[in-house]
């Protein structure tokens, strides 16, 4: 269930698409732009919530610089792999700004029957700004704003192979999976205000709003044939041999039962809220005290719209039947 029992944060803010109502994360920040990772286990994780059975992770992004900073990282490799990572920023004792972007892409290493792209591309960008008062003053104020955007398209599939086909070529993909792909986008807005009075008291207010959309196109089933799992597990028995040949693109779909249904699991997640945290430190005789108190107000939701479209296998390629899109879940 992915991250269902782990609280995931970026710079102390929950980043799962719907951390309370649908905590299995379909989004994870690109580690290329992460500069540190905090891991909390056991009682140390409780304060972060909501799901800490497996602990809590806090990913730290690059801070605004002191002075100026600039970097470009370009790389290439097999399967048309390409990477571009760049950031730049300026800052001084009263404020700063930073912009960072990462782009990764590849044509993929899977071999699709009939040819086609089995690769992906991912893009993430972040802009953050900071303003602060004199850090040496009696009262210290600091304000931060972070904006983020990410986009991904992965030509990937859940459809597997028969044992014999896997033994012959584990990188093969059947023609019936040609339209399978994951596409998603995410928008991130976060603001933080901190104030510290001396060295004994500080308070921090954080507000956030995230929107995440994903569309997962994948082969669901034959309209009237055997279940895909059963057919792949026993591809040579009875009618399974015919349906396996259709998956490979070796035979055409001749009957309504042999129509392939490709579903789009379209989901929209929204997550917003804020948390307030105060901390005080003092001594009573030989005993030192460090007390931290916080509260979070949070709202998240998920909207599902799952549909199916009908296709025939013709000449080794998927061809639409031009039927009306069927709505399965709304």
C-alpha atoms as a PDB file:
ATOM      1  CA  UNK A   1       0.000   0.000   0.000  1.00  0.00           C
ATOM      2  CA  UNK A   2       2.908   2.318  -0.769  1.00  0.00           C
ATOM      3  CA  UNK A   3       3.180   4.876   2.072  1.00  0.00           C
ATOM      4  CA  UNK A   4      -0.089   4.113   3.826  1.00  0.00           C
ATOM      5  CA  UNK A   5       1.481   3.688   7.283  1.00  0.00           C
ATOM      6  CA  UNK A   6       4.238   6.291   6.966  1.00  0.00           C
ATOM      7  CA  UNK A   7       3.890  10.045   7.361  1.00  0.00           C
ATOM      8  CA  UNK A   8       5.683  11.772   4.476  1.00  0.00           C
ATOM      9  CA  UNK A   9       6.713  15.415   4.668  1.00  0.00           C
ATOM     10  CA  UNK A  10       8.668  17.959   2.669  1.00  0.00           C
ATOM     11  CA  UNK A  11      10.145  20.742   4.773  1.00  0.00           C
ATOM     12  CA  UNK A  12       7.849  19.675   7.612  1.00  0.00           C
ATOM     13  CA  UNK A  13       4.643  19.774   5.510  1.00  0.00           C
ATOM     14  CA  UNK A  14       2.577  16.682   4.572  1.00  0.00           C
ATOM     15  CA  UNK A  15       2.948  15.988   0.851  1.00  0.00           C
ATOM     16  CA  UNK A  16       0.877  12.820   0.256  1.00  0.00           C
ATOM     17  CA  UNK A  17      -1.944  13.712  -2.196  1.00  0.00           C
ATOM     18  CA  UNK A  18      -4.580  13.158   0.510  1.00  0.00           C
ATOM     19  CA  UNK A  19      -2.706  12.354   3.712  1.00  0.00           C
ATOM     20  CA  UNK A  20      -5.816  11.482   5.742  1.00  0.00           C
ATOM     21  CA  UNK A  21      -8.454  10.174   3.319  1.00  0.00           C
ATOM     22  CA  UNK A  22      -6.162   8.401   0.793  1.00  0.00           C
ATOM     23  CA  UNK A  23      -2.680   8.112   2.316  1.00  0.00           C
ATOM     24  CA  UNK A  24      -1.270   5.682  -0.273  1.00  0.00           C
ATOM     25  CA  UNK A  25       0.955   8.191  -2.073  1.00  0.00           C
ATOM     26  CA  UNK A  26       1.038   8.394  -5.857  1.00  0.00           C
ATOM     27  CA  UNK A  27       3.505  11.269  -5.606  1.00  0.00           C
ATOM     28  CA  UNK A  28       7.019  11.390  -4.212  1.00  0.00           C
ATOM     29  CA  UNK A  29       9.439  14.323  -4.672  1.00  0.00           C
ATOM     30  CA  UNK A  30      12.348  13.767  -7.025  1.00  0.00           C
ATOM     31  CA  UNK A  31      15.340  12.991  -4.814  1.00  0.00           C
ATOM     32  CA  UNK A  32      17.561  14.899  -7.244  1.00  0.00           C
ATOM     33  CA  UNK A  33      16.434  18.147  -5.622  1.00  0.00           C
ATOM     34  CA  UNK A  34      16.412  16.906  -2.008  1.00  0.00           C
ATOM     35  CA  UNK A  35      19.423  17.911   0.131  1.00  0.00           C
ATOM     36  CA  UNK A  36      18.607  16.052   3.374  1.00  0.00           C
ATOM     37  CA  UNK A  37      16.371  13.355   4.864  1.00  0.00           C
ATOM     38  CA  UNK A  38      15.159  13.129   8.457  1.00  0.00           C
ATOM     39  CA  UNK A  39      13.898   9.733   9.683  1.00  0.00           C
ATOM     40  CA  UNK A  40      11.711   9.456  12.795  1.00  0.00           C
ATOM     41  CA  UNK A  41      10.801   6.108  14.347  1.00  0.00           C
ATOM     42  CA  UNK A  42       8.865   5.083  17.436  1.00  0.00           C
ATOM     43  CA  UNK A  43       7.676   7.784  19.872  1.00  0.00           C
ATOM     44  CA  UNK A  44       9.661  10.465  17.989  1.00  0.00           C
ATOM     45  CA  UNK A  45       7.289  10.114  15.022  1.00  0.00           C
ATOM     46  CA  UNK A  46       4.027  10.529  16.952  1.00  0.00           C
ATOM     47  CA  UNK A  47       3.991  14.324  16.844  1.00  0.00           C
ATOM     48  CA  UNK A  48       3.963  14.362  13.037  1.00  0.00           C
ATOM     49  CA  UNK A  49       0.956  12.120  12.273  1.00  0.00           C
ATOM     50  CA  UNK A  50      -1.457  11.057  10.979  1.00  0.00           C
ATOM     51  CA  UNK A  51       0.010   7.629  10.089  1.00  0.00           C
ATOM     52  CA  UNK A  52       3.199   6.817  11.975  1.00  0.00           C
ATOM     53  CA  UNK A  53       3.145   3.024  12.421  1.00  0.00           C
ATOM     54  CA  UNK A  54       6.039   2.876   9.955  1.00  0.00           C
ATOM     55  CA  UNK A  55       7.581   6.118  11.176  1.00  0.00           C
ATOM     56  CA  UNK A  56       7.868   9.531   9.549  1.00  0.00           C
ATOM     57  CA  UNK A  57      10.101  10.932   6.811  1.00  0.00           C
ATOM     58  CA  UNK A  58      10.910  14.590   6.314  1.00  0.00           C
ATOM     59  CA  UNK A  59      12.621  15.533   3.041  1.00  0.00           C
ATOM     60  CA  UNK A  60      14.558  18.789   3.110  1.00  0.00           C
ATOM     61  CA  UNK A  61      14.765  21.030   0.057  1.00  0.00           C
ATOM     62  CA  UNK A  62      17.561  23.449  -0.741  1.00  0.00           C
ATOM     63  CA  UNK A  63      17.491  26.625   1.389  1.00  0.00           C
ATOM     64  CA  UNK A  64      17.775  30.124  -0.008  1.00  0.00           C
ATOM     65  CA  UNK A  65      21.486  30.933  -0.253  1.00  0.00           C
ATOM     66  CA  UNK A  66      23.637  33.434   1.558  1.00  0.00           C
ATOM     67  CA  UNK A  67      25.273  35.365  -1.243  1.00  0.00           C
ATOM     68  CA  UNK A  68      24.791  33.875  -4.700  1.00  0.00           C
ATOM     69  CA  UNK A  69      24.637  30.279  -5.899  1.00  0.00           C
ATOM     70  CA  UNK A  70      24.207  28.714  -9.330  1.00  0.00           C
ATOM     71  CA  UNK A  71      24.522  25.164 -10.665  1.00  0.00           C
ATOM     72  CA  UNK A  72      23.767  23.219 -13.846  1.00  0.00           C
ATOM     73  CA  UNK A  73      24.005  19.413 -14.052  1.00  0.00           C
ATOM     74  CA  UNK A  74      23.530  17.814 -17.486  1.00  0.00           C
ATOM     75  CA  UNK A  75      23.768  14.078 -18.134  1.00  0.00           C
ATOM     76  CA  UNK A  76      22.875  11.553 -20.816  1.00  0.00           C
ATOM     77  CA  UNK A  77      22.920   7.791 -21.172  1.00  0.00           C
ATOM     78  CA  UNK A  78      21.481   4.653 -22.721  1.00  0.00           C
ATOM     79  CA  UNK A  79      17.891   4.459 -23.965  1.00  0.00           C
ATOM     80  CA  UNK A  80      18.052   8.211 -24.736  1.00  0.00           C
ATOM     81  CA  UNK A  81      18.340   8.994 -21.021  1.00  0.00           C
ATOM     82  CA  UNK A  82      18.570  12.738 -20.380  1.00  0.00           C
ATOM     83  CA  UNK A  83      18.911  14.758 -17.194  1.00  0.00           C
ATOM     84  CA  UNK A  84      18.918  18.494 -16.583  1.00  0.00           C
ATOM     85  CA  UNK A  85      19.143  19.840 -13.038  1.00  0.00           C
ATOM     86  CA  UNK A  86      19.691  23.507 -12.359  1.00  0.00           C
ATOM     87  CA  UNK A  87      19.237  25.997  -9.561  1.00  0.00           C
ATOM     88  CA  UNK A  88      20.139  29.585  -8.887  1.00  0.00           C
ATOM     89  CA  UNK A  89      19.562  32.079  -6.136  1.00  0.00           C
ATOM     90  CA  UNK A  90      20.744  35.130  -4.267  1.00  0.00           C
ATOM     91  CA  UNK A  91      20.398  36.182  -0.656  1.00  0.00           C
ATOM     92  CA  UNK A  92      21.696  38.325   2.154  1.00  0.00           C
ATOM     93  CA  UNK A  93      20.993  38.787   5.862  1.00  0.00           C
ATOM     94  CA  UNK A  94      17.476  40.136   5.291  1.00  0.00           C
ATOM     95  CA  UNK A  95      16.177  37.819   2.555  1.00  0.00           C
ATOM     96  CA  UNK A  96      16.764  35.650  -0.442  1.00  0.00           C
ATOM     97  CA  UNK A  97      15.220  33.858  -3.391  1.00  0.00           C
ATOM     98  CA  UNK A  98      15.919  30.479  -5.011  1.00  0.00           C
ATOM     99  CA  UNK A  99      14.653  28.767  -8.165  1.00  0.00           C
ATOM    100  CA  UNK A 100      15.303  25.092  -8.935  1.00  0.00           C
ATOM    101  CA  UNK A 101      14.204  22.729 -11.712  1.00  0.00           C
ATOM    102  CA  UNK A 102      14.815  19.075 -12.623  1.00  0.00           C
ATOM    103  CA  UNK A 103      13.971  17.288 -15.873  1.00  0.00           C
ATOM    104  CA  UNK A 104      14.482  13.550 -16.455  1.00  0.00           C
ATOM    105  CA  UNK A 105      13.485  11.505 -19.492  1.00  0.00           C
ATOM    106  CA  UNK A 106      14.149   8.205 -21.251  1.00  0.00           C
ATOM    107  CA  UNK A 107      12.746   6.194 -24.147  1.00  0.00           C
ATOM    108  CA  UNK A 108      12.614   3.164 -21.866  1.00  0.00           C
ATOM    109  CA  UNK A 109      14.150  -0.293 -22.062  1.00  0.00           C
ATOM    110  CA  UNK A 110      10.991  -2.357 -22.593  1.00  0.00           C
ATOM    111  CA  UNK A 111      10.351  -3.730 -26.097  1.00  0.00           C
ATOM    112  CA  UNK A 112       6.762  -3.121 -27.174  1.00  0.00           C
ATOM    113  CA  UNK A 113       5.339  -5.487 -29.800  1.00  0.00           C
ATOM    114  CA  UNK A 114       4.888  -3.403 -32.945  1.00  0.00           C
ATOM    115  CA  UNK A 115       7.182  -0.660 -31.624  1.00  0.00           C
ATOM    116  CA  UNK A 116       6.464   2.359 -29.467  1.00  0.00           C
ATOM    117  CA  UNK A 117       7.732   4.461 -26.579  1.00  0.00           C
ATOM    118  CA  UNK A 118       8.042   2.697 -23.223  1.00  0.00           C
ATOM    119  CA  UNK A 119       9.887   5.537 -21.504  1.00  0.00           C
ATOM    120  CA  UNK A 120       8.962   8.508 -19.358  1.00  0.00           C
ATOM    121  CA  UNK A 121       9.617  12.137 -18.600  1.00  0.00           C
ATOM    122  CA  UNK A 122       9.419  13.914 -15.258  1.00  0.00           C
ATOM    123  CA  UNK A 123       9.629  17.615 -14.516  1.00  0.00           C
ATOM    124  CA  UNK A 124       9.733  19.347 -11.134  1.00  0.00           C
ATOM    125  CA  UNK A 125      10.263  23.006 -10.370  1.00  0.00           C
ATOM    126  CA  UNK A 126      10.401  25.002  -7.156  1.00  0.00           C
ATOM    127  CA  UNK A 127      10.653  28.693  -6.289  1.00  0.00           C
ATOM    128  CA  UNK A 128      11.090  29.890  -2.733  1.00  0.00           C
ATOM    129  CA  UNK A 129      11.630  33.257  -1.118  1.00  0.00           C
ATOM    130  CA  UNK A 130      12.510  34.393   2.382  1.00  0.00           C
ATOM    131  CA  UNK A 131      12.446  37.663   4.343  1.00  0.00           C
ATOM    132  CA  UNK A 132      13.697  38.066   7.897  1.00  0.00           C
ATOM    133  CA  UNK A 133      14.567  40.641  10.509  1.00  0.00           C
ATOM    134  CA  UNK A 134      17.950  40.961  12.198  1.00  0.00           C
ATOM    135  CA  UNK A 135      18.782  37.449  13.517  1.00  0.00           C
ATOM    136  CA  UNK A 136      20.615  39.051  16.462  1.00  0.00           C
ATOM    137  CA  UNK A 137      17.685  41.214  17.525  1.00  0.00           C
ATOM    138  CA  UNK A 138      15.634  40.597  20.677  1.00  0.00           C
ATOM    139  CA  UNK A 139      12.638  39.631  18.536  1.00  0.00           C
ATOM    140  CA  UNK A 140      13.318  37.720  15.330  1.00  0.00           C
ATOM    141  CA  UNK A 141      10.774  37.474  12.477  1.00  0.00           C
ATOM    142  CA  UNK A 142      11.043  35.255   9.403  1.00  0.00           C
ATOM    143  CA  UNK A 143       8.611  34.758   6.526  1.00  0.00           C
ATOM    144  CA  UNK A 144       8.903  32.134   3.748  1.00  0.00           C
ATOM    145  CA  UNK A 145       6.933  31.314   0.599  1.00  0.00           C
ATOM    146  CA  UNK A 146       7.427  28.192  -1.518  1.00  0.00           C
ATOM    147  CA  UNK A 147       5.776  27.390  -4.864  1.00  0.00           C
ATOM    148  CA  UNK A 148       6.168  24.070  -6.651  1.00  0.00           C
ATOM    149  CA  UNK A 149       5.006  22.319  -9.807  1.00  0.00           C
ATOM    150  CA  UNK A 150       5.567  18.771 -11.065  1.00  0.00           C
ATOM    151  CA  UNK A 151       4.499  16.791 -14.108  1.00  0.00           C
ATOM    152  CA  UNK A 152       5.065  13.194 -15.162  1.00  0.00           C
ATOM    153  CA  UNK A 153       4.172  10.971 -18.092  1.00  0.00           C
ATOM    154  CA  UNK A 154       5.267   7.330 -17.861  1.00  0.00           C
ATOM    155  CA  UNK A 155       4.466   4.840 -20.607  1.00  0.00           C
ATOM    156  CA  UNK A 156       4.188   1.951 -18.179  1.00  0.00           C
ATOM    157  CA  UNK A 157       1.794  -0.959 -17.716  1.00  0.00           C
ATOM    158  CA  UNK A 158       0.485  -3.429 -15.159  1.00  0.00           C
ATOM    159  CA  UNK A 159       0.142  -6.120 -17.846  1.00  0.00           C
ATOM    160  CA  UNK A 160       2.637  -8.943 -17.383  1.00  0.00           C
ATOM    161  CA  UNK A 161       3.875 -11.814 -19.553  1.00  0.00           C
ATOM    162  CA  UNK A 162       3.349 -15.534 -19.721  1.00  0.00           C
ATOM    163  CA  UNK A 163       6.122 -17.612 -18.160  1.00  0.00           C
ATOM    164  CA  UNK A 164       7.372 -18.745 -21.574  1.00  0.00           C
ATOM    165  CA  UNK A 165       7.469 -15.208 -22.980  1.00  0.00           C
ATOM    166  CA  UNK A 166       9.214 -13.934 -19.868  1.00  0.00           C
ATOM    167  CA  UNK A 167      11.867 -16.623 -20.173  1.00  0.00           C
ATOM    168  CA  UNK A 168      12.433 -15.694 -23.827  1.00  0.00           C
ATOM    169  CA  UNK A 169      12.540 -11.898 -23.244  1.00  0.00           C
ATOM    170  CA  UNK A 170      11.761 -10.358 -19.831  1.00  0.00           C
ATOM    171  CA  UNK A 171      11.742  -6.864 -21.378  1.00  0.00           C
ATOM    172  CA  UNK A 172       8.931  -7.648 -23.802  1.00  0.00           C
ATOM    173  CA  UNK A 173       5.586  -5.841 -23.708  1.00  0.00           C
ATOM    174  CA  UNK A 174       2.506  -7.086 -25.501  1.00  0.00           C
ATOM    175  CA  UNK A 175       0.834  -4.984 -28.182  1.00  0.00           C
ATOM    176  CA  UNK A 176      -2.322  -4.799 -26.048  1.00  0.00           C
ATOM    177  CA  UNK A 177      -0.449  -2.572 -23.555  1.00  0.00           C
ATOM    178  CA  UNK A 178       0.504   0.052 -26.155  1.00  0.00           C
ATOM    179  CA  UNK A 179      -1.890   2.692 -24.743  1.00  0.00           C
ATOM    180  CA  UNK A 180      -1.055   2.108 -21.070  1.00  0.00           C
ATOM    181  CA  UNK A 181       0.417   5.156 -19.378  1.00  0.00           C
ATOM    182  CA  UNK A 182       0.481   7.153 -16.135  1.00  0.00           C
ATOM    183  CA  UNK A 183       0.164  10.920 -16.317  1.00  0.00           C
ATOM    184  CA  UNK A 184       0.049  13.290 -13.355  1.00  0.00           C
ATOM    185  CA  UNK A 185       0.460  16.930 -12.344  1.00  0.00           C
ATOM    186  CA  UNK A 186       0.913  18.611  -8.975  1.00  0.00           C
ATOM    187  CA  UNK A 187       0.743  22.204  -7.723  1.00  0.00           C
ATOM    188  CA  UNK A 188       2.194  23.189  -4.351  1.00  0.00           C
ATOM    189  CA  UNK A 189       1.755  26.435  -2.387  1.00  0.00           C
ATOM    190  CA  UNK A 190       3.232  26.819   1.092  1.00  0.00           C
ATOM    191  CA  UNK A 191       3.823  29.763   3.425  1.00  0.00           C
ATOM    192  CA  UNK A 192       5.526  29.927   6.809  1.00  0.00           C
ATOM    193  CA  UNK A 193       5.897  32.648   9.456  1.00  0.00           C
ATOM    194  CA  UNK A 194       8.178  32.314  12.479  1.00  0.00           C
ATOM    195  CA  UNK A 195       8.874  34.576  15.422  1.00  0.00           C
ATOM    196  CA  UNK A 196      11.417  34.034  18.189  1.00  0.00           C
ATOM    197  CA  UNK A 197      11.639  36.026  21.411  1.00  0.00           C
ATOM    198  CA  UNK A 198      15.100  35.706  22.844  1.00  0.00           C
ATOM    199  CA  UNK A 199      16.416  32.166  23.094  1.00  0.00           C
ATOM    200  CA  UNK A 200      13.618  30.767  25.226  1.00  0.00           C
ATOM    201  CA  UNK A 201      10.437  31.088  23.143  1.00  0.00           C
ATOM    202  CA  UNK A 202       9.497  30.713  19.485  1.00  0.00           C
ATOM    203  CA  UNK A 203       6.328  30.121  17.496  1.00  0.00           C
ATOM    204  CA  UNK A 204       5.789  29.007  13.900  1.00  0.00           C
ATOM    205  CA  UNK A 205       2.698  29.128  11.683  1.00  0.00           C
ATOM    206  CA  UNK A 206       2.601  27.148   8.412  1.00  0.00           C
ATOM    207  CA  UNK A 207      -0.151  27.113   5.773  1.00  0.00           C
ATOM    208  CA  UNK A 208      -0.266  24.892   2.680  1.00  0.00           C
ATOM    209  CA  UNK A 209      -2.426  23.995  -0.308  1.00  0.00           C
ATOM    210  CA  UNK A 210      -1.673  21.091  -2.679  1.00  0.00           C
ATOM    211  CA  UNK A 211      -3.535  19.822  -5.737  1.00  0.00           C
ATOM    212  CA  UNK A 212      -2.585  16.527  -7.389  1.00  0.00           C
ATOM    213  CA  UNK A 213      -4.163  15.027 -10.513  1.00  0.00           C
ATOM    214  CA  UNK A 214      -3.396  11.611 -12.007  1.00  0.00           C
ATOM    215  CA  UNK A 215      -4.692   9.691 -15.003  1.00  0.00           C
ATOM    216  CA  UNK A 216      -3.771   6.001 -15.213  1.00  0.00           C
ATOM    217  CA  UNK A 217      -4.704   4.421 -18.557  1.00  0.00           C
ATOM    218  CA  UNK A 218      -4.349   0.638 -18.509  1.00  0.00           C
ATOM    219  CA  UNK A 219      -5.767  -2.530 -20.025  1.00  0.00           C
ATOM    220  CA  UNK A 220      -8.476  -3.722 -17.638  1.00  0.00           C
ATOM    221  CA  UNK A 221      -9.918  -6.851 -19.247  1.00  0.00           C
ATOM    222  CA  UNK A 222     -11.507  -8.535 -22.206  1.00  0.00           C
ATOM    223  CA  UNK A 223     -15.205  -7.814 -22.489  1.00  0.00           C
ATOM    224  CA  UNK A 224     -16.199 -11.478 -22.414  1.00  0.00           C
ATOM    225  CA  UNK A 225     -13.017 -13.486 -22.161  1.00  0.00           C
ATOM    226  CA  UNK A 226     -11.036 -14.899 -19.240  1.00  0.00           C
ATOM    227  CA  UNK A 227      -9.486 -12.727 -16.544  1.00  0.00           C
ATOM    228  CA  UNK A 228      -6.048 -11.484 -17.592  1.00  0.00           C
ATOM    229  CA  UNK A 229      -4.311 -13.120 -14.631  1.00  0.00           C
ATOM    230  CA  UNK A 230      -5.879 -16.519 -15.303  1.00  0.00           C
ATOM    231  CA  UNK A 231      -5.123 -16.288 -19.011  1.00  0.00           C
ATOM    232  CA  UNK A 232      -1.444 -15.373 -18.489  1.00  0.00           C
ATOM    233  CA  UNK A 233      -1.043 -18.113 -15.870  1.00  0.00           C
ATOM    234  CA  UNK A 234      -2.380 -20.766 -18.280  1.00  0.00           C
ATOM    235  CA  UNK A 235      -2.025 -19.354 -21.820  1.00  0.00           C
ATOM    236  CA  UNK A 236      -2.199 -22.629 -23.744  1.00  0.00           C
ATOM    237  CA  UNK A 237      -5.391 -24.136 -22.345  1.00  0.00           C
ATOM    238  CA  UNK A 238      -8.678 -23.902 -24.254  1.00  0.00           C
ATOM    239  CA  UNK A 239      -9.750 -20.455 -25.326  1.00  0.00           C
ATOM    240  CA  UNK A 240      -6.864 -18.876 -23.405  1.00  0.00           C
ATOM    241  CA  UNK A 241      -4.551 -19.516 -26.361  1.00  0.00           C
ATOM    242  CA  UNK A 242      -6.712 -17.329 -28.612  1.00  0.00           C
ATOM    243  CA  UNK A 243      -6.867 -14.472 -26.110  1.00  0.00           C
ATOM    244  CA  UNK A 244      -3.098 -14.675 -25.468  1.00  0.00           C
ATOM    245  CA  UNK A 245      -2.510 -14.330 -29.220  1.00  0.00           C
ATOM    246  CA  UNK A 246      -4.738 -11.246 -29.267  1.00  0.00           C
ATOM    247  CA  UNK A 247      -2.709  -9.697 -26.430  1.00  0.00           C
ATOM    248  CA  UNK A 248       0.468 -10.236 -28.431  1.00  0.00           C
ATOM    249  CA  UNK A 249      -1.120  -8.782 -31.567  1.00  0.00           C
ATOM    250  CA  UNK A 250      -0.759 -12.085 -33.392  1.00  0.00           C
ATOM    251  CA  UNK A 251      -4.517 -12.442 -33.995  1.00  0.00           C
ATOM    252  CA  UNK A 252      -7.329  -9.947 -34.517  1.00  0.00           C
ATOM    253  CA  UNK A 253     -10.404  -9.467 -32.360  1.00  0.00           C
ATOM    254  CA  UNK A 254     -13.316 -11.088 -34.226  1.00  0.00           C
ATOM    255  CA  UNK A 255     -16.073 -11.188 -31.590  1.00  0.00           C
ATOM    256  CA  UNK A 256     -17.521  -8.796 -29.048  1.00  0.00           C
ATOM    257  CA  UNK A 257     -16.123 -10.974 -26.258  1.00  0.00           C
ATOM    258  CA  UNK A 258     -12.627 -10.361 -27.666  1.00  0.00           C
ATOM    259  CA  UNK A 259     -12.967  -6.587 -27.350  1.00  0.00           C
ATOM    260  CA  UNK A 260     -10.281  -5.105 -25.077  1.00  0.00           C
ATOM    261  CA  UNK A 261     -11.446  -2.600 -22.447  1.00  0.00           C
ATOM    262  CA  UNK A 262      -8.906   0.055 -21.508  1.00  0.00           C
ATOM    263  CA  UNK A 263      -9.711   1.996 -18.373  1.00  0.00           C
ATOM    264  CA  UNK A 264      -8.717   5.492 -17.256  1.00  0.00           C
ATOM    265  CA  UNK A 265      -8.450   5.740 -13.466  1.00  0.00           C
ATOM    266  CA  UNK A 266      -8.736   9.515 -13.258  1.00  0.00           C
ATOM    267  CA  UNK A 267      -8.358  10.960  -9.770  1.00  0.00           C
ATOM    268  CA  UNK A 268      -8.036  14.451  -8.330  1.00  0.00           C
ATOM    269  CA  UNK A 269      -6.643  15.013  -4.842  1.00  0.00           C
ATOM    270  CA  UNK A 270      -6.768  18.244  -2.856  1.00  0.00           C
ATOM    271  CA  UNK A 271      -5.032  18.839   0.451  1.00  0.00           C
ATOM    272  CA  UNK A 272      -4.893  22.064   2.459  1.00  0.00           C
ATOM    273  CA  UNK A 273      -4.451  23.196   6.010  1.00  0.00           C
ATOM    274  CA  UNK A 274      -2.144  24.772   8.507  1.00  0.00           C
ATOM    275  CA  UNK A 275      -0.323  23.996  11.687  1.00  0.00           C
ATOM    276  CA  UNK A 276       0.786  26.147  14.594  1.00  0.00           C
ATOM    277  CA  UNK A 277       3.682  25.154  16.810  1.00  0.00           C
ATOM    278  CA  UNK A 278       5.104  26.831  19.888  1.00  0.00           C
ATOM    279  CA  UNK A 279       8.208  25.965  21.863  1.00  0.00           C
ATOM    280  CA  UNK A 280       9.609  27.206  25.159  1.00  0.00           C
ATOM    281  CA  UNK A 281      12.771  26.381  27.060  1.00  0.00           C
ATOM    282  CA  UNK A 282      13.483  27.220  30.713  1.00  0.00           C
ATOM    283  CA  UNK A 283      15.187  25.952  33.841  1.00  0.00           C
ATOM    284  CA  UNK A 284      13.964  25.280  37.372  1.00  0.00           C
ATOM    285  CA  UNK A 285      17.027  24.800  39.485  1.00  0.00           C
ATOM    286  CA  UNK A 286      19.151  22.009  38.038  1.00  0.00           C
ATOM    287  CA  UNK A 287      16.353  20.799  35.732  1.00  0.00           C
ATOM    288  CA  UNK A 288      16.128  21.978  32.126  1.00  0.00           C
ATOM    289  CA  UNK A 289      12.711  21.990  30.402  1.00  0.00           C
ATOM    290  CA  UNK A 290      11.962  21.958  26.669  1.00  0.00           C
ATOM    291  CA  UNK A 291       8.218  22.052  25.919  1.00  0.00           C
ATOM    292  CA  UNK A 292       6.718  21.933  22.443  1.00  0.00           C
ATOM    293  CA  UNK A 293       2.980  22.317  21.720  1.00  0.00           C
ATOM    294  CA  UNK A 294       1.276  22.210  18.330  1.00  0.00           C
ATOM    295  CA  UNK A 295      -2.049  21.918  16.543  1.00  0.00           C
ATOM    296  CA  UNK A 296      -2.927  21.109  12.919  1.00  0.00           C
ATOM    297  CA  UNK A 297      -6.103  21.959  11.015  1.00  0.00           C
ATOM    298  CA  UNK A 298      -6.282  19.914   7.827  1.00  0.00           C
ATOM    299  CA  UNK A 299      -8.741  19.060   5.067  1.00  0.00           C
ATOM    300  CA  UNK A 300      -8.232  16.703   2.163  1.00  0.00           C
ATOM    301  CA  UNK A 301     -10.437  14.987  -0.386  1.00  0.00           C
ATOM    302  CA  UNK A 302     -10.293  12.699  -3.393  1.00  0.00           C
ATOM    303  CA  UNK A 303     -12.517  12.693  -6.479  1.00  0.00           C
ATOM    304  CA  UNK A 304     -12.550   9.535  -8.593  1.00  0.00           C
ATOM    305  CA  UNK A 305     -13.708   9.261 -12.185  1.00  0.00           C
ATOM    306  CA  UNK A 306     -12.953   5.820 -13.662  1.00  0.00           C
ATOM    307  CA  UNK A 307     -13.949   5.134 -17.264  1.00  0.00           C
ATOM    308  CA  UNK A 308     -13.490   2.416 -19.898  1.00  0.00           C
ATOM    309  CA  UNK A 309     -13.080   2.604 -23.662  1.00  0.00           C
ATOM    310  CA  UNK A 310     -13.421  -0.329 -26.077  1.00  0.00           C
ATOM    311  CA  UNK A 311     -10.716  -1.341 -28.573  1.00  0.00           C
ATOM    312  CA  UNK A 312     -10.172  -4.148 -31.053  1.00  0.00           C
ATOM    313  CA  UNK A 313      -6.858  -5.708 -31.966  1.00  0.00           C
ATOM    314  CA  UNK A 314      -6.443  -5.310 -35.739  1.00  0.00           C
ATOM    315  CA  UNK A 315      -3.224  -6.018 -37.597  1.00  0.00           C
ATOM    316  CA  UNK A 316      -1.172  -5.965 -34.433  1.00  0.00           C
ATOM    317  CA  UNK A 317      -2.483  -2.549 -33.274  1.00  0.00           C
ATOM    318  CA  UNK A 318      -5.291  -1.333 -31.042  1.00  0.00           C
ATOM    319  CA  UNK A 319      -8.179   0.278 -32.923  1.00  0.00           C
ATOM    320  CA  UNK A 320     -11.039   2.096 -31.244  1.00  0.00           C
ATOM    321  CA  UNK A 321     -14.555   0.753 -31.689  1.00  0.00           C
ATOM    322  CA  UNK A 322     -15.943   4.320 -31.420  1.00  0.00           C
ATOM    323  CA  UNK A 323     -18.297   3.234 -28.646  1.00  0.00           C
ATOM    324  CA  UNK A 324     -19.353   5.740 -26.027  1.00  0.00           C
ATOM    325  CA  UNK A 325     -16.997   5.928 -23.049  1.00  0.00           C
ATOM    326  CA  UNK A 326     -18.391   3.920 -20.124  1.00  0.00           C
ATOM    327  CA  UNK A 327     -18.367   5.515 -16.679  1.00  0.00           C
ATOM    328  CA  UNK A 328     -17.488   2.990 -13.953  1.00  0.00           C
ATOM    329  CA  UNK A 329     -16.840   5.107 -10.854  1.00  0.00           C
ATOM    330  CA  UNK A 330     -17.797   8.695 -10.132  1.00  0.00           C
END
